[in-house]
Amino acid sequence: MAPTDQPTRKPVRVWVDGCFDMMHYGHANALRQAKAMGDFLIVGVHSDAEIEKNKGPTVMKEAERYAAVAACKWVDLVVPNAPYNTTVEILREHNVDFCVHGDDITTMADGTDCYQAVKDAGLYRECKRTEGVSTTEMVGRMLLMTRNHHNRPAETGDSSISGFKSEKLGPFSDSGNHVHTTISHFLPTSKRIVQFSEGREPKETDRVVYVDGTFDLFHVGHVEFLKRAKKLGDFLIVGVHDDQTVNAIKGVNYPLMNLHERALSVLACRGVDEVIIGAPYSVTKDVLGSEYNVKVVAHGNTPTERDLDGSDPYKLAKERGIYVEINNPNSTLTTHGIIERIIENRLIFEERQRRKTAKAALEAEKEALEKQTKAKDCQTTPISVN
């Protein structure tokens, strides 16, 4: 048979579903792993009402969550309003070969396994859950915000930190216990960075665009800004500022996500070609004169905080005539705005944290029991020897 007569292999269609509230690099890593198991990745995203019923209130609204998932570079199709309980019928409706979920148990409000039906049908696969990050944990970080968030003493006696009153930001729940959270100390391996990277180099004819920022709590406002920046050229480089610089310029509460978490979130975004991890706050000759030969430096048309020495961080780009301002895509959705959602509804989200923590404990107990049962089954299964 001639090579051109070879039968075409049917693309493997993979399904993943979830809440994807405050889309983070852990979500992106699960989607990356799922896409690697097949050819076409379909992601079902639950509605606000379904999540409220089974887990509690969301931070991000459903339209924001749909857009955030669609922006992930491994996603081919988003299915809105997906059922919380994954069914064989929904997989058949989308001509799916199997669904993928992390190696942890997810349950309905009544405690039943959301994936039991597809497990029984042999349509279930697992991927490795990314440790150390979850929406619950990130909400906890916001509830924990205090003057000592970065263990750096306040330089003034002002009770208002980064626009929030300190009396709203205490680290304790009503019961006096610490909210379920930690300050992130996540450090990626070189393997993880390579997994998230495109590995593409610009062509000589490519118009290289550079943008920079904090990209904390990476959200659809960031996504839309990066889309608009990419339209200014062919190859998009994103500089992500280091924790110490962000902390010094923005205040003791920031950033909530560390440099490596923020860099991975940006790398997972469709349209981003390269990331400079720990980019200088001011655009320097080293950035412009790098191997990429930057032709455009873009920034949003929002007020820019000065560098630590009081200088304009885009002075050099402006002098060279390569500075471009991008209209702010969504003035209401910012990192500050997301934190305000948490702070203004603090009691609701503290109750959500308590519910999630209790539910997670039950799921962990069920998962441990399931593993014990599997281990016993392996011990009692006879081994045939030829």
Protein backbone atom coordinates (compact mmCIF):
# COMPACT_ATOMS: atom_id res chain seq x y z
CA MET A 1 0.00 0.00 0.00
CA ALA A 2 1.38 3.42 -0.98
CA PRO A 3 2.02 5.90 1.87
CA THR A 4 -0.80 8.13 0.61
CA ASP A 5 -3.22 5.20 0.84
CA GLN A 6 -2.62 4.67 4.56
CA PRO A 7 -5.90 4.78 6.51
CA THR A 8 -6.35 7.99 8.52
CA ARG A 9 -6.34 7.45 12.28
CA LYS A 10 -9.41 8.75 14.04
CA PRO A 11 -8.42 11.64 16.33
CA VAL A 12 -8.75 10.75 20.00
CA ARG A 13 -11.21 13.09 21.68
CA VAL A 14 -10.62 13.72 25.39
CA TRP A 15 -13.04 15.25 27.91
CA VAL A 16 -12.16 17.17 31.08
CA ASP A 17 -14.68 19.00 33.22
CA GLY A 18 -14.56 21.19 36.29
CA CYS A 19 -15.28 24.54 37.91
CA PHE A 20 -12.01 26.23 36.85
CA ASP A 21 -12.63 29.03 39.32
CA MET A 22 -9.69 31.45 39.33
CA MET A 23 -7.97 29.53 36.52
CA HIS A 24 -4.43 28.78 37.72
CA TYR A 25 -1.37 26.81 36.63
CA GLY A 26 -2.67 23.68 38.40
CA HIS A 27 -5.73 23.72 36.14
CA ALA A 28 -3.49 24.34 33.14
CA ASN A 29 -1.22 21.44 34.07
CA ALA A 30 -4.20 19.06 34.26
CA LEU A 31 -5.37 20.22 30.83
CA ARG A 32 -1.86 19.80 29.44
CA GLN A 33 -1.70 16.22 30.71
CA ALA A 34 -5.18 15.45 29.36
CA LYS A 35 -4.34 16.84 25.91
CA ALA A 36 -1.21 14.66 25.82
CA MET A 37 -3.45 11.58 26.12
CA GLY A 38 -5.27 12.37 22.89
CA ASP A 39 -5.61 14.78 19.99
CA PHE A 40 -8.63 17.01 20.68
CA LEU A 41 -9.40 18.36 24.16
CA ILE A 42 -12.96 19.28 25.11
CA VAL A 43 -13.44 21.03 28.45
CA GLY A 44 -16.81 21.14 30.17
CA VAL A 45 -17.22 24.02 32.61
CA HIS A 46 -19.93 23.98 35.27
CA SER A 47 -22.40 26.81 35.75
CA ASP A 48 -22.42 29.05 38.82
CA ALA A 49 -25.67 27.45 39.99
CA GLU A 50 -24.26 23.88 39.81
CA ILE A 51 -21.11 24.86 41.69
CA GLU A 52 -23.07 26.77 44.33
CA LYS A 53 -25.17 23.66 44.97
CA ASN A 54 -22.22 21.27 45.26
CA LYS A 55 -19.28 23.33 46.53
CA GLY A 56 -20.29 26.86 47.44
CA PRO A 57 -20.05 30.28 45.75
CA THR A 58 -17.56 30.97 42.97
CA VAL A 59 -15.14 33.88 42.91
CA MET A 60 -15.30 34.27 39.14
CA LYS A 61 -18.58 34.40 37.23
CA GLU A 62 -19.33 31.66 34.72
CA ALA A 63 -18.71 33.82 31.63
CA GLU A 64 -15.29 34.75 33.07
CA ARG A 65 -14.50 31.09 33.76
CA TYR A 66 -15.54 30.01 30.26
CA ALA A 67 -13.26 32.66 28.74
CA ALA A 68 -10.33 31.76 31.01
CA VAL A 69 -10.49 28.08 30.04
CA ALA A 70 -10.81 28.92 26.33
CA ALA A 71 -7.58 30.95 26.61
CA CYS A 72 -5.55 27.91 27.73
CA LYS A 73 -3.38 26.82 24.81
CA TRP A 74 -4.15 23.11 25.21
CA VAL A 75 -7.94 23.52 24.98
CA ASP A 76 -9.70 22.96 21.66
CA LEU A 77 -13.35 23.39 22.68
CA VAL A 78 -15.22 24.67 25.75
CA VAL A 79 -18.67 23.30 26.64
CA PRO A 80 -20.52 25.74 28.92
CA ASN A 81 -22.97 24.62 31.61
CA ALA A 82 -21.54 21.09 31.77
CA PRO A 83 -23.22 18.77 34.31
CA TYR A 84 -21.47 18.53 37.67
CA ASN A 85 -22.00 14.78 37.65
CA THR A 86 -20.11 13.51 34.60
CA THR A 87 -22.33 11.16 32.60
CA VAL A 88 -21.75 8.65 29.82
CA GLU A 89 -24.42 10.55 27.86
CA ILE A 90 -22.46 13.84 27.84
CA LEU A 91 -19.37 12.00 26.58
CA ARG A 92 -21.36 10.33 23.80
CA GLU A 93 -22.99 13.64 22.88
CA HIS A 94 -19.55 15.07 22.13
CA ASN A 95 -18.16 11.89 20.57
CA VAL A 96 -15.59 11.56 23.36
CA ASP A 97 -13.31 8.53 23.73
CA PHE A 98 -12.70 8.99 27.48
CA CYS A 99 -12.64 11.60 30.22
CA VAL A 100 -9.69 12.60 32.40
CA HIS A 101 -9.56 13.77 36.00
CA GLY A 102 -6.87 14.25 38.63
CA ASP A 103 -5.87 11.44 40.97
CA ASP A 104 -8.14 12.73 43.74
CA ILE A 105 -11.80 11.99 44.37
CA THR A 106 -14.47 14.60 43.56
CA THR A 107 -17.92 14.16 45.07
CA MET A 108 -21.42 15.56 44.66
CA ALA A 109 -23.17 17.38 47.51
CA ASP A 110 -24.58 14.00 48.65
CA GLY A 111 -21.09 12.43 48.79
CA THR A 112 -21.35 10.29 45.64
CA ASP A 113 -18.41 10.08 43.24
CA CYS A 114 -18.94 12.46 40.29
CA TYR A 115 -17.14 10.04 37.97
CA GLN A 116 -18.56 6.70 39.10
CA ALA A 117 -20.73 6.24 35.98
CA VAL A 118 -17.88 6.82 33.52
CA LYS A 119 -15.54 4.70 35.66
CA ASP A 120 -18.03 1.82 35.47
CA ALA A 121 -18.26 2.29 31.71
CA GLY A 122 -14.46 2.10 31.27
CA LEU A 123 -14.31 5.70 30.02
CA TYR A 124 -12.15 7.16 32.79
CA ARG A 125 -8.43 8.05 32.90
CA GLU A 126 -6.38 9.81 35.56
CA CYS A 127 -3.70 12.48 35.46
CA LYS A 128 -1.40 13.67 38.22
CA ARG A 129 -2.84 16.43 40.36
CA THR A 130 -0.57 19.48 40.78
CA GLU A 131 0.24 19.75 44.47
CA GLY A 132 0.24 23.01 46.39
CA VAL A 133 -2.35 24.97 44.45
CA SER A 134 -6.14 25.10 44.32
CA THR A 135 -8.83 27.75 44.14
CA THR A 136 -9.62 27.04 47.80
CA GLU A 137 -5.98 27.64 48.72
CA MET A 138 -5.85 30.87 46.69
CA VAL A 139 -9.03 32.21 48.29
CA GLY A 140 -7.41 31.38 51.62
CA ARG A 141 -4.39 33.49 50.71
CA MET A 142 -6.67 36.46 50.10
CA LEU A 143 -8.47 35.90 53.40
CA LEU A 144 -5.05 35.75 55.07
CA MET A 145 -3.87 39.11 53.75
CA THR A 146 -2.21 41.11 56.55
CA ARG A 147 0.65 43.54 56.98
CA ASN A 148 3.00 40.59 57.42
CA HIS A 149 1.93 38.75 54.27
CA HIS A 150 5.51 38.87 52.99
CA ASN A 151 7.17 39.11 56.41
CA ARG A 152 8.15 42.67 55.63
CA PRO A 153 7.42 45.38 58.24
CA ALA A 154 5.14 48.21 57.18
CA GLU A 155 6.98 51.44 56.56
CA THR A 156 4.11 53.64 57.71
CA GLY A 157 1.48 53.55 60.39
CA ASP A 158 -1.37 53.77 57.84
CA SER A 159 -4.08 51.16 58.45
CA SER A 160 -4.91 51.04 54.76
CA ILE A 161 -2.79 48.60 52.75
CA SER A 162 -2.95 48.64 48.95
CA GLY A 163 -6.45 50.13 49.11
CA PHE A 164 -7.89 47.74 51.71
CA LYS A 165 -8.56 48.57 55.34
CA SER A 166 -6.56 46.36 57.67
CA GLU A 167 -9.57 45.57 59.85
CA LYS A 168 -11.04 43.70 56.86
CA LEU A 169 -7.96 41.61 56.26
CA GLY A 170 -7.28 39.63 59.44
CA PRO A 171 -6.07 36.02 59.12
CA PHE A 172 -8.60 34.42 61.49
CA SER A 173 -12.01 32.91 61.00
CA ASP A 174 -14.86 33.65 63.42
CA SER A 175 -13.94 30.56 65.44
CA GLY A 176 -10.45 31.96 66.03
CA ASN A 177 -8.76 29.33 63.88
CA HIS A 178 -6.54 30.06 60.93
CA VAL A 179 -8.29 29.92 57.58
CA HIS A 180 -7.21 26.86 55.55
CA THR A 181 -4.37 28.39 53.55
CA THR A 182 -0.63 28.79 53.21
CA ILE A 183 1.73 31.29 51.64
CA SER A 184 3.05 29.66 48.51
CA HIS A 185 6.60 28.37 48.36
CA PHE A 186 6.04 26.62 45.03
CA LEU A 187 9.19 26.17 42.95
CA PRO A 188 8.93 24.56 39.53
CA THR A 189 11.40 22.12 38.06
CA SER A 190 13.03 22.83 34.72
CA LYS A 191 10.94 19.96 33.35
CA ARG A 192 7.70 21.75 34.27
CA ILE A 193 8.83 24.98 32.64
CA VAL A 194 9.75 23.09 29.46
CA GLN A 195 6.36 21.35 29.51
CA PHE A 196 4.59 24.72 29.57
CA SER A 197 6.88 26.36 27.00
CA GLU A 198 6.19 26.50 23.27
CA GLY A 199 9.86 26.23 22.35
CA ARG A 200 9.24 28.38 19.27
CA GLU A 201 11.80 30.88 18.05
CA PRO A 202 10.83 34.02 16.10
CA LYS A 203 11.57 34.16 12.39
CA GLU A 204 13.79 36.97 11.12
CA THR A 205 10.74 38.64 9.60
CA ASP A 206 8.65 38.42 12.79
CA ARG A 207 7.65 41.63 14.52
CA VAL A 208 8.50 41.00 18.19
CA VAL A 209 6.26 42.55 20.85
CA TYR A 210 7.21 42.92 24.52
CA VAL A 211 4.85 43.48 27.45
CA ASP A 212 5.50 43.18 31.16
CA GLY A 213 3.62 43.11 34.42
CA THR A 214 2.83 41.30 37.65
CA PHE A 215 0.07 39.02 36.28
CA ASP A 216 -1.04 38.14 39.79
CA LEU A 217 -4.17 35.95 40.11
CA PHE A 218 -4.03 35.53 36.32
CA HIS A 219 -7.50 36.33 34.95
CA VAL A 220 -9.44 37.12 31.77
CA GLY A 221 -8.49 40.79 31.99
CA HIS A 222 -4.87 39.68 31.56
CA VAL A 223 -5.92 37.29 28.79
CA GLU A 224 -7.64 40.02 26.79
CA PHE A 225 -4.68 42.38 27.25
CA LEU A 226 -2.28 39.72 25.93
CA LYS A 227 -4.56 39.03 22.95
CA ARG A 228 -4.47 42.70 22.03
CA ALA A 229 -0.72 42.83 22.49
CA LYS A 230 -0.20 39.80 20.21
CA LYS A 231 -2.15 41.56 17.44
CA LEU A 232 0.57 44.24 17.37
CA GLY A 233 3.08 41.75 15.97
CA ASP A 234 3.96 38.11 15.33
CA PHE A 235 5.90 36.99 18.41
CA LEU A 236 4.88 37.92 21.95
CA ILE A 237 7.34 38.05 24.86
CA VAL A 238 5.95 38.63 28.35
CA GLY A 239 8.11 39.87 31.21
CA VAL A 240 6.95 38.81 34.68
CA HIS A 241 8.35 40.87 37.56
CA ASP A 242 9.95 39.20 40.56
CA ASP A 243 8.27 38.99 43.97
CA GLN A 244 10.59 41.44 45.74
CA THR A 245 10.08 44.18 43.14
CA VAL A 246 6.31 43.73 43.08
CA ASN A 247 6.24 43.72 46.88
CA ALA A 248 8.29 46.92 47.08
CA ILE A 249 6.23 48.80 44.48
CA LYS A 250 2.69 47.54 45.08
CA GLY A 251 2.71 47.04 48.86
CA VAL A 252 3.17 44.38 51.50
CA ASN A 253 0.17 42.28 50.43
CA TYR A 254 1.42 41.60 46.92
CA PRO A 255 1.99 39.41 45.04
CA LEU A 256 -0.39 36.69 46.23
CA MET A 257 1.14 34.19 43.79
CA ASN A 258 4.89 33.84 43.64
CA LEU A 259 7.01 34.48 40.55
CA HIS A 260 7.06 30.89 39.33
CA GLU A 261 3.30 30.45 39.75
CA ARG A 262 2.65 33.65 37.83
CA ALA A 263 5.12 32.76 35.07
CA LEU A 264 3.51 29.35 34.50
CA SER A 265 0.05 30.93 34.33
CA VAL A 266 1.29 33.30 31.61
CA LEU A 267 3.08 30.50 29.74
CA ALA A 268 -0.16 28.51 29.61
CA CYS A 269 -1.97 31.36 27.86
CA ARG A 270 -2.67 30.98 24.15
CA GLY A 271 -0.67 33.45 22.05
CA VAL A 272 2.25 33.86 24.47
CA ASP A 273 5.49 32.76 22.79
CA GLU A 274 8.09 33.42 25.48
CA VAL A 275 8.32 34.58 29.09
CA ILE A 276 11.14 36.41 30.84
CA ILE A 277 10.99 35.16 34.43
CA GLY A 278 11.98 37.94 36.80
CA ALA A 279 12.02 40.70 34.19
CA PRO A 280 13.29 44.13 35.32
CA TYR A 281 10.53 46.56 36.27
CA SER A 282 11.90 49.18 33.88
CA VAL A 283 12.32 48.23 30.23
CA THR A 284 16.09 48.24 29.75
CA LYS A 285 18.53 48.07 26.85
CA ASP A 286 19.10 44.43 27.78
CA VAL A 287 15.41 43.67 27.22
CA LEU A 288 15.17 45.61 23.95
CA GLY A 289 18.53 44.50 22.65
CA SER A 290 18.13 40.85 23.52
CA GLU A 291 18.33 38.07 20.98
CA TYR A 292 14.71 38.75 20.11
CA ASN A 293 15.20 42.34 18.87
CA VAL A 294 12.02 43.88 20.27
CA LYS A 295 10.16 46.19 17.88
CA VAL A 296 7.14 47.11 20.02
CA VAL A 297 6.76 47.69 23.77
CA ALA A 298 3.10 47.72 24.81
CA HIS A 299 1.36 48.67 28.04
CA GLY A 300 -2.24 49.22 29.09
CA ASN A 301 -3.63 52.76 29.16
CA THR A 302 -3.89 52.66 32.95
CA PRO A 303 -1.71 54.68 35.34
CA THR A 304 1.80 53.24 35.62
CA GLU A 305 3.53 52.98 38.98
CA ARG A 306 7.01 54.49 38.96
CA ASP A 307 10.13 52.41 39.48
CA LEU A 308 11.77 52.46 42.91
CA ASP A 309 14.00 55.38 41.86
CA GLY A 310 10.96 57.38 40.72
CA SER A 311 11.64 56.96 37.00
CA ASP A 312 9.17 56.08 34.24
CA PRO A 313 9.67 52.35 33.52
CA TYR A 314 8.89 52.91 29.82
CA LYS A 315 11.13 55.95 29.29
CA LEU A 316 13.60 54.16 27.00
CA ALA A 317 10.88 52.60 24.84
CA LYS A 318 9.20 56.01 24.48
CA GLU A 319 12.51 57.65 23.51
CA ARG A 320 12.99 55.03 20.81
CA GLY A 321 9.46 55.55 19.50
CA ILE A 322 8.40 51.93 20.01
CA TYR A 323 6.00 52.41 22.92
CA VAL A 324 2.32 51.64 22.28
CA GLU A 325 -0.63 51.88 24.64
CA ILE A 326 -3.39 49.29 24.57
CA ASN A 327 -6.91 50.22 25.63
CA ASN A 328 -7.72 48.60 28.96
CA PRO A 329 -9.91 45.62 28.01
CA ASN A 330 -11.91 45.42 31.22
CA SER A 331 -11.57 48.11 33.85
CA THR A 332 -13.81 46.24 36.31
CA LEU A 333 -11.84 43.00 36.32
CA THR A 334 -8.43 43.46 37.89
CA THR A 335 -6.40 41.61 40.51
CA HIS A 336 -7.46 44.29 42.99
CA GLY A 337 -11.09 43.77 41.94
CA ILE A 338 -10.92 40.01 42.51
CA ILE A 339 -9.53 40.56 46.02
CA GLU A 340 -12.33 43.04 46.68
CA ARG A 341 -14.86 40.33 45.79
CA ILE A 342 -13.37 38.16 48.51
CA ILE A 343 -13.01 40.90 51.10
CA GLU A 344 -16.49 42.36 50.58
CA ASN A 345 -18.03 38.89 50.90
CA ARG A 346 -15.63 37.64 53.53
CA LEU A 347 -18.12 35.79 55.73
CA ILE A 348 -19.57 33.95 52.70
CA PHE A 349 -16.12 32.85 51.55
CA GLU A 350 -14.97 31.87 55.04
CA GLU A 351 -18.03 29.61 55.24
CA ARG A 352 -17.11 28.27 51.77
CA GLN A 353 -13.61 27.52 53.04
CA ARG A 354 -15.01 25.62 56.03
CA ARG A 355 -17.34 23.61 53.79
CA LYS A 356 -14.56 22.86 51.32
CA THR A 357 -12.15 21.81 54.05
CA ALA A 358 -14.72 19.44 55.56
CA LYS A 359 -15.63 18.06 52.13
CA ALA A 360 -11.94 17.59 51.25
CA ALA A 361 -11.41 15.60 54.45
CA LEU A 362 -14.28 13.27 53.58
CA GLU A 363 -13.00 12.86 50.01
CA ALA A 364 -9.49 12.08 51.29
CA GLU A 365 -10.93 9.48 53.66
CA LYS A 366 -12.91 7.91 50.82
CA GLU A 367 -9.84 7.96 48.57
CA ALA A 368 -7.71 6.22 51.23
CA LEU A 369 -10.40 3.56 51.68
CA GLU A 370 -10.54 3.01 47.93
CA LYS A 371 -6.76 2.55 47.79
CA GLN A 372 -6.87 0.05 50.67
CA THR A 373 -9.58 -1.93 48.88
CA LYS A 374 -7.52 -2.00 45.67
CA ALA A 375 -4.44 -3.15 47.60
CA LYS A 376 -6.40 -5.99 49.22
CA ASP A 377 -7.81 -7.04 45.86
CA CYS A 378 -4.27 -7.23 44.43
CA GLN A 379 -3.14 -9.39 47.34
CA THR A 380 -6.03 -11.86 46.98
CA THR A 381 -5.97 -12.12 43.17
CA PRO A 382 -4.37 -15.46 42.16
CA ILE A 383 -1.36 -15.25 39.88
CA SER A 384 -1.24 -17.69 37.00
CA VAL A 385 2.15 -19.10 36.05
CA ASN A 386 2.67 -20.68 32.65
